[in-house]
Amino acid sequence: MPFINTITTKKISDAERDAVKAELGKIIAEIPGKSEQWLMLAFNDGVKMYFRGDDSLDSAYVEISIFGTAGSDAYDCLTAKICELYESKLGIPADRVYVKYEECTRWGWNGANF
C-alpha cells in the first residue's frame, strides 16, 4: 500500500507523467513487499515553491507513505533512483529534489484496515 505524492514547480506533460508513473511502478519494488499492484500516485505540478530562497529553477518534493516499515538500504536506493528519474525524465536536478518517507501502522482500504 505505498502512496507517492509528487509536488513540483514544473508543469508536467501527459507523456512525462506517464513515463514517471511507469518508472515509479518499477522503483517501488526496492521496498520489500511493495509493488505497482498496490501503488497509488498523485502529481501536483506547476506549484509555486522556493528552494534555498530561489524560485527560478524547478524543484520537487516527493512524499512516500508505506504501510509497515523498510530498511535504510531500501530507502537509500529508492531516493537515488527517484532523484535520477526526476532529473532524467523531468529535468529537475537531483539537488533540488526532497524525498520524505512515512511509515504507517494503520492503513485502511475497501472498508477495513490492515
N, C-alpha and C. Protein backbone atom coordinates (compact mmCIF):
# COMPACT_ATOMS: atom_id res chain seq x y z
N MET A 1 0.81 -1.18 0.00
CA MET A 1 0.00 0.00 0.00
C MET A 1 0.86 1.26 0.00
N PRO A 2 1.75 1.39 -0.93
CA PRO A 2 2.50 2.64 -0.99
C PRO A 2 1.72 3.74 -1.70
N PHE A 3 1.99 4.97 -1.28
CA PHE A 3 1.43 6.15 -1.91
C PHE A 3 2.58 7.12 -2.15
N ILE A 4 2.71 7.59 -3.39
CA ILE A 4 3.75 8.55 -3.73
C ILE A 4 3.07 9.81 -4.23
N ASN A 5 3.33 10.91 -3.53
CA ASN A 5 2.77 12.21 -3.87
C ASN A 5 3.92 13.10 -4.35
N THR A 6 3.82 13.56 -5.58
CA THR A 6 4.83 14.44 -6.15
C THR A 6 4.28 15.85 -6.25
N ILE A 7 4.99 16.78 -5.64
CA ILE A 7 4.68 18.20 -5.74
C ILE A 7 5.87 18.84 -6.45
N THR A 8 5.61 19.54 -7.54
CA THR A 8 6.71 20.11 -8.31
C THR A 8 6.35 21.46 -8.92
N THR A 9 7.35 22.26 -9.12
CA THR A 9 7.17 23.55 -9.77
C THR A 9 6.95 23.38 -11.27
N LYS A 10 7.46 22.32 -11.81
CA LYS A 10 7.42 22.07 -13.26
C LYS A 10 6.02 21.64 -13.69
N LYS A 11 5.55 22.21 -14.78
CA LYS A 11 4.33 21.72 -15.41
C LYS A 11 4.70 20.42 -16.13
N ILE A 12 4.00 19.35 -15.83
CA ILE A 12 4.32 18.04 -16.37
C ILE A 12 3.34 17.70 -17.49
N SER A 13 3.88 17.33 -18.63
CA SER A 13 3.02 16.92 -19.75
C SER A 13 2.47 15.52 -19.47
N ASP A 14 1.45 15.14 -20.22
CA ASP A 14 0.88 13.80 -20.07
C ASP A 14 1.94 12.73 -20.35
N ALA A 15 2.76 12.95 -21.37
CA ALA A 15 3.80 11.97 -21.72
C ALA A 15 4.83 11.85 -20.59
N GLU A 16 5.23 12.97 -20.02
CA GLU A 16 6.18 12.94 -18.90
C GLU A 16 5.57 12.23 -17.69
N ARG A 17 4.31 12.54 -17.40
CA ARG A 17 3.63 11.91 -16.27
C ARG A 17 3.54 10.40 -16.47
N ASP A 18 3.21 9.97 -17.68
CA ASP A 18 3.12 8.54 -17.96
C ASP A 18 4.48 7.86 -17.81
N ALA A 19 5.54 8.52 -18.25
CA ALA A 19 6.89 7.95 -18.14
C ALA A 19 7.31 7.83 -16.68
N VAL A 20 7.05 8.87 -15.89
CA VAL A 20 7.40 8.84 -14.46
C VAL A 20 6.56 7.80 -13.74
N LYS A 21 5.27 7.73 -14.06
CA LYS A 21 4.38 6.73 -13.46
C LYS A 21 4.89 5.31 -13.70
N ALA A 22 5.28 5.04 -14.92
CA ALA A 22 5.77 3.70 -15.26
C ALA A 22 7.03 3.35 -14.47
N GLU A 23 7.95 4.31 -14.36
CA GLU A 23 9.20 4.05 -13.64
C GLU A 23 8.97 3.93 -12.14
N LEU A 24 8.08 4.76 -11.58
CA LEU A 24 7.79 4.65 -10.15
C LEU A 24 7.18 3.29 -9.83
N GLY A 25 6.41 2.75 -10.77
CA GLY A 25 5.84 1.41 -10.59
C GLY A 25 6.91 0.34 -10.46
N LYS A 26 8.04 0.54 -11.13
CA LYS A 26 9.16 -0.39 -11.02
C LYS A 26 10.00 -0.11 -9.79
N ILE A 27 10.28 1.17 -9.55
CA ILE A 27 11.16 1.58 -8.46
C ILE A 27 10.61 1.20 -7.09
N ILE A 28 9.29 1.24 -6.92
CA ILE A 28 8.71 0.97 -5.60
C ILE A 28 9.06 -0.43 -5.10
N ALA A 29 9.40 -1.33 -6.02
CA ALA A 29 9.77 -2.70 -5.64
C ALA A 29 11.09 -2.75 -4.88
N GLU A 30 11.82 -1.63 -4.80
CA GLU A 30 13.04 -1.58 -3.98
C GLU A 30 12.70 -1.76 -2.50
N ILE A 31 11.45 -1.47 -2.14
CA ILE A 31 10.99 -1.71 -0.77
C ILE A 31 10.40 -3.11 -0.75
N PRO A 32 10.97 -4.01 0.04
CA PRO A 32 10.48 -5.39 0.07
C PRO A 32 8.97 -5.47 0.34
N GLY A 33 8.30 -6.26 -0.48
CA GLY A 33 6.87 -6.48 -0.32
C GLY A 33 5.99 -5.44 -0.99
N LYS A 34 6.58 -4.43 -1.63
CA LYS A 34 5.79 -3.39 -2.28
C LYS A 34 5.86 -3.57 -3.79
N SER A 35 4.74 -3.24 -4.46
CA SER A 35 4.70 -3.40 -5.91
C SER A 35 3.73 -2.39 -6.51
N GLU A 36 3.78 -2.28 -7.82
CA GLU A 36 2.88 -1.38 -8.53
C GLU A 36 1.42 -1.79 -8.35
N GLN A 37 1.18 -3.05 -8.07
CA GLN A 37 -0.20 -3.55 -7.93
C GLN A 37 -0.97 -2.75 -6.87
N TRP A 38 -0.29 -2.28 -5.82
CA TRP A 38 -0.96 -1.54 -4.75
C TRP A 38 -0.54 -0.07 -4.70
N LEU A 39 0.23 0.38 -5.67
CA LEU A 39 0.76 1.73 -5.67
C LEU A 39 -0.28 2.76 -6.10
N MET A 40 -0.40 3.83 -5.30
CA MET A 40 -1.23 4.97 -5.67
C MET A 40 -0.30 6.17 -5.85
N LEU A 41 -0.55 6.93 -6.91
CA LEU A 41 0.28 8.09 -7.22
C LEU A 41 -0.58 9.35 -7.34
N ALA A 42 0.01 10.48 -6.97
CA ALA A 42 -0.61 11.78 -7.19
C ALA A 42 0.47 12.73 -7.70
N PHE A 43 0.09 13.59 -8.63
CA PHE A 43 1.00 14.59 -9.17
C PHE A 43 0.35 15.96 -9.02
N ASN A 44 1.04 16.86 -8.35
CA ASN A 44 0.59 18.23 -8.21
C ASN A 44 1.69 19.08 -8.82
N ASP A 45 1.49 19.50 -10.06
CA ASP A 45 2.54 20.21 -10.79
C ASP A 45 2.20 21.68 -10.96
N GLY A 46 3.21 22.45 -11.35
CA GLY A 46 3.02 23.87 -11.56
C GLY A 46 2.83 24.64 -10.25
N VAL A 47 3.35 24.11 -9.15
CA VAL A 47 3.20 24.73 -7.84
C VAL A 47 4.31 25.74 -7.62
N LYS A 48 3.97 26.89 -7.08
CA LYS A 48 4.96 27.91 -6.75
C LYS A 48 5.70 27.45 -5.48
N MET A 49 7.00 27.17 -5.61
CA MET A 49 7.81 26.74 -4.48
C MET A 49 9.15 27.47 -4.52
N TYR A 50 9.69 27.69 -3.35
CA TYR A 50 11.03 28.26 -3.22
C TYR A 50 11.94 27.22 -2.60
N PHE A 51 13.12 27.09 -3.13
CA PHE A 51 14.13 26.21 -2.55
C PHE A 51 15.40 27.02 -2.41
N ARG A 52 15.92 27.06 -1.20
CA ARG A 52 17.08 27.91 -0.90
C ARG A 52 16.80 29.38 -1.22
N GLY A 53 15.53 29.77 -1.05
CA GLY A 53 15.14 31.15 -1.29
C GLY A 53 14.99 31.52 -2.75
N ASP A 54 15.03 30.52 -3.63
CA ASP A 54 15.03 30.76 -5.07
C ASP A 54 13.88 30.01 -5.73
N ASP A 55 13.16 30.69 -6.60
CA ASP A 55 12.08 30.02 -7.34
C ASP A 55 12.34 30.00 -8.84
N SER A 56 13.58 30.28 -9.24
CA SER A 56 13.88 30.37 -10.67
C SER A 56 14.19 29.02 -11.32
N LEU A 57 14.44 27.99 -10.51
CA LEU A 57 14.73 26.65 -11.02
C LEU A 57 13.65 25.68 -10.55
N ASP A 58 13.40 24.65 -11.34
CA ASP A 58 12.41 23.65 -10.94
C ASP A 58 12.89 22.85 -9.73
N SER A 59 11.92 22.51 -8.88
CA SER A 59 12.16 21.72 -7.68
C SER A 59 11.04 20.70 -7.54
N ALA A 60 11.29 19.68 -6.72
CA ALA A 60 10.25 18.68 -6.45
C ALA A 60 10.33 18.22 -5.00
N TYR A 61 9.17 17.95 -4.43
CA TYR A 61 9.03 17.38 -3.10
C TYR A 61 8.25 16.09 -3.29
N VAL A 62 8.84 14.99 -2.91
CA VAL A 62 8.23 13.68 -3.14
C VAL A 62 7.98 13.03 -1.79
N GLU A 63 6.71 12.75 -1.50
CA GLU A 63 6.32 12.10 -0.25
C GLU A 63 5.98 10.64 -0.55
N ILE A 64 6.59 9.74 0.21
CA ILE A 64 6.33 8.32 0.03
C ILE A 64 5.82 7.77 1.35
N SER A 65 4.59 7.28 1.34
CA SER A 65 3.99 6.66 2.52
C SER A 65 3.86 5.17 2.26
N ILE A 66 4.24 4.38 3.26
CA ILE A 66 4.07 2.93 3.11
C ILE A 66 3.41 2.37 4.37
N PHE A 67 2.74 1.27 4.20
CA PHE A 67 2.21 0.52 5.33
C PHE A 67 3.32 -0.39 5.81
N GLY A 68 3.70 -0.26 7.07
CA GLY A 68 4.77 -1.07 7.62
C GLY A 68 6.08 -0.29 7.64
N THR A 69 7.17 -1.05 7.62
CA THR A 69 8.49 -0.44 7.71
C THR A 69 9.40 -0.99 6.62
N ALA A 70 10.52 -0.30 6.44
CA ALA A 70 11.53 -0.76 5.48
C ALA A 70 12.89 -0.38 6.04
N GLY A 71 13.93 -1.02 5.55
CA GLY A 71 15.28 -0.75 5.99
C GLY A 71 15.87 0.47 5.31
N SER A 72 16.90 1.02 5.92
CA SER A 72 17.54 2.22 5.36
C SER A 72 18.16 1.95 3.99
N ASP A 73 18.62 0.71 3.73
CA ASP A 73 19.18 0.38 2.42
C ASP A 73 18.13 0.56 1.32
N ALA A 74 16.90 0.12 1.59
CA ALA A 74 15.82 0.27 0.61
C ALA A 74 15.52 1.73 0.36
N TYR A 75 15.48 2.52 1.43
CA TYR A 75 15.21 3.95 1.28
C TYR A 75 16.34 4.65 0.55
N ASP A 76 17.59 4.28 0.85
CA ASP A 76 18.73 4.88 0.15
C ASP A 76 18.64 4.61 -1.35
N CYS A 77 18.34 3.38 -1.71
CA CYS A 77 18.23 3.00 -3.12
C CYS A 77 17.06 3.74 -3.78
N LEU A 78 15.93 3.80 -3.09
CA LEU A 78 14.75 4.47 -3.63
C LEU A 78 15.02 5.96 -3.86
N THR A 79 15.66 6.62 -2.89
CA THR A 79 15.97 8.03 -3.05
C THR A 79 16.87 8.27 -4.26
N ALA A 80 17.90 7.46 -4.40
CA ALA A 80 18.81 7.61 -5.53
C ALA A 80 18.07 7.43 -6.86
N LYS A 81 17.23 6.42 -6.94
CA LYS A 81 16.50 6.16 -8.19
C LYS A 81 15.47 7.23 -8.49
N ILE A 82 14.80 7.74 -7.47
CA ILE A 82 13.81 8.80 -7.68
C ILE A 82 14.51 10.07 -8.15
N CYS A 83 15.60 10.44 -7.51
CA CYS A 83 16.33 11.64 -7.94
C CYS A 83 16.82 11.49 -9.37
N GLU A 84 17.33 10.33 -9.71
CA GLU A 84 17.78 10.08 -11.08
C GLU A 84 16.61 10.16 -12.07
N LEU A 85 15.48 9.58 -11.70
CA LEU A 85 14.29 9.59 -12.56
C LEU A 85 13.78 11.01 -12.80
N TYR A 86 13.67 11.79 -11.75
CA TYR A 86 13.13 13.14 -11.89
C TYR A 86 14.09 14.03 -12.68
N GLU A 87 15.38 13.75 -12.57
CA GLU A 87 16.34 14.51 -13.36
C GLU A 87 16.28 14.10 -14.83
N SER A 88 16.24 12.79 -15.10
CA SER A 88 16.27 12.33 -16.49
C SER A 88 14.95 12.55 -17.23
N LYS A 89 13.83 12.36 -16.58
CA LYS A 89 12.52 12.48 -17.25
C LYS A 89 11.90 13.86 -17.16
N LEU A 90 12.20 14.61 -16.06
CA LEU A 90 11.57 15.91 -15.87
C LEU A 90 12.54 17.07 -15.90
N GLY A 91 13.84 16.76 -15.93
CA GLY A 91 14.84 17.82 -15.97
C GLY A 91 15.01 18.57 -14.66
N ILE A 92 14.57 17.97 -13.55
CA ILE A 92 14.72 18.58 -12.23
C ILE A 92 16.02 18.06 -11.63
N PRO A 93 16.98 18.94 -11.35
CA PRO A 93 18.25 18.49 -10.81
C PRO A 93 18.07 17.72 -9.49
N ALA A 94 18.86 16.69 -9.31
CA ALA A 94 18.77 15.86 -8.11
C ALA A 94 18.96 16.67 -6.83
N ASP A 95 19.75 17.74 -6.91
CA ASP A 95 19.98 18.55 -5.72
C ASP A 95 18.85 19.54 -5.46
N ARG A 96 17.75 19.42 -6.22
CA ARG A 96 16.56 20.23 -5.98
C ARG A 96 15.35 19.34 -5.75
N VAL A 97 15.61 18.10 -5.31
CA VAL A 97 14.55 17.13 -5.01
C VAL A 97 14.67 16.70 -3.56
N TYR A 98 13.60 16.89 -2.81
CA TYR A 98 13.50 16.34 -1.45
C TYR A 98 12.61 15.10 -1.52
N VAL A 99 13.00 14.07 -0.77
CA VAL A 99 12.20 12.85 -0.68
C VAL A 99 11.92 12.59 0.80
N LYS A 100 10.66 12.47 1.15
CA LYS A 100 10.24 12.24 2.54
C LYS A 100 9.56 10.88 2.63
N TYR A 101 9.90 10.12 3.66
CA TYR A 101 9.31 8.81 3.89
C TYR A 101 8.45 8.83 5.14
N GLU A 102 7.33 8.13 5.06
CA GLU A 102 6.46 7.98 6.21
C GLU A 102 6.02 6.52 6.30
N GLU A 103 6.25 5.94 7.45
CA GLU A 103 5.83 4.55 7.70
C GLU A 103 4.56 4.59 8.55
N CYS A 104 3.55 3.88 8.10
CA CYS A 104 2.25 3.88 8.77
C CYS A 104 1.95 2.50 9.36
N THR A 105 1.38 2.51 10.53
CA THR A 105 0.98 1.24 11.15
C THR A 105 -0.50 0.97 10.97
N ARG A 106 -1.24 1.96 10.56
CA ARG A 106 -2.66 1.80 10.29
C ARG A 106 -2.94 2.28 8.87
N TRP A 107 -3.56 1.41 8.09
CA TRP A 107 -3.86 1.74 6.70
C TRP A 107 -5.18 1.09 6.35
N GLY A 108 -6.12 1.89 5.89
CA GLY A 108 -7.43 1.37 5.53
C GLY A 108 -7.61 1.23 4.04
N TRP A 109 -8.43 0.27 3.66
CA TRP A 109 -8.74 0.03 2.26
C TRP A 109 -9.99 -0.82 2.18
N ASN A 110 -10.85 -0.51 1.27
CA ASN A 110 -12.02 -1.33 0.95
C ASN A 110 -12.89 -1.59 2.18
N GLY A 111 -13.05 -0.55 3.01
CA GLY A 111 -13.93 -0.65 4.17
C GLY A 111 -13.35 -1.33 5.39
N ALA A 112 -12.07 -1.64 5.36
CA ALA A 112 -11.43 -2.32 6.50
C ALA A 112 -10.00 -1.79 6.67
N ASN A 113 -9.35 -2.23 7.72
CA ASN A 113 -7.98 -1.81 8.00
C ASN A 113 -7.06 -3.02 8.00
N PHE A 114 -5.81 -2.78 7.62
CA PHE A 114 -4.81 -3.83 7.64
C PHE A 114 -4.21 -3.92 9.02
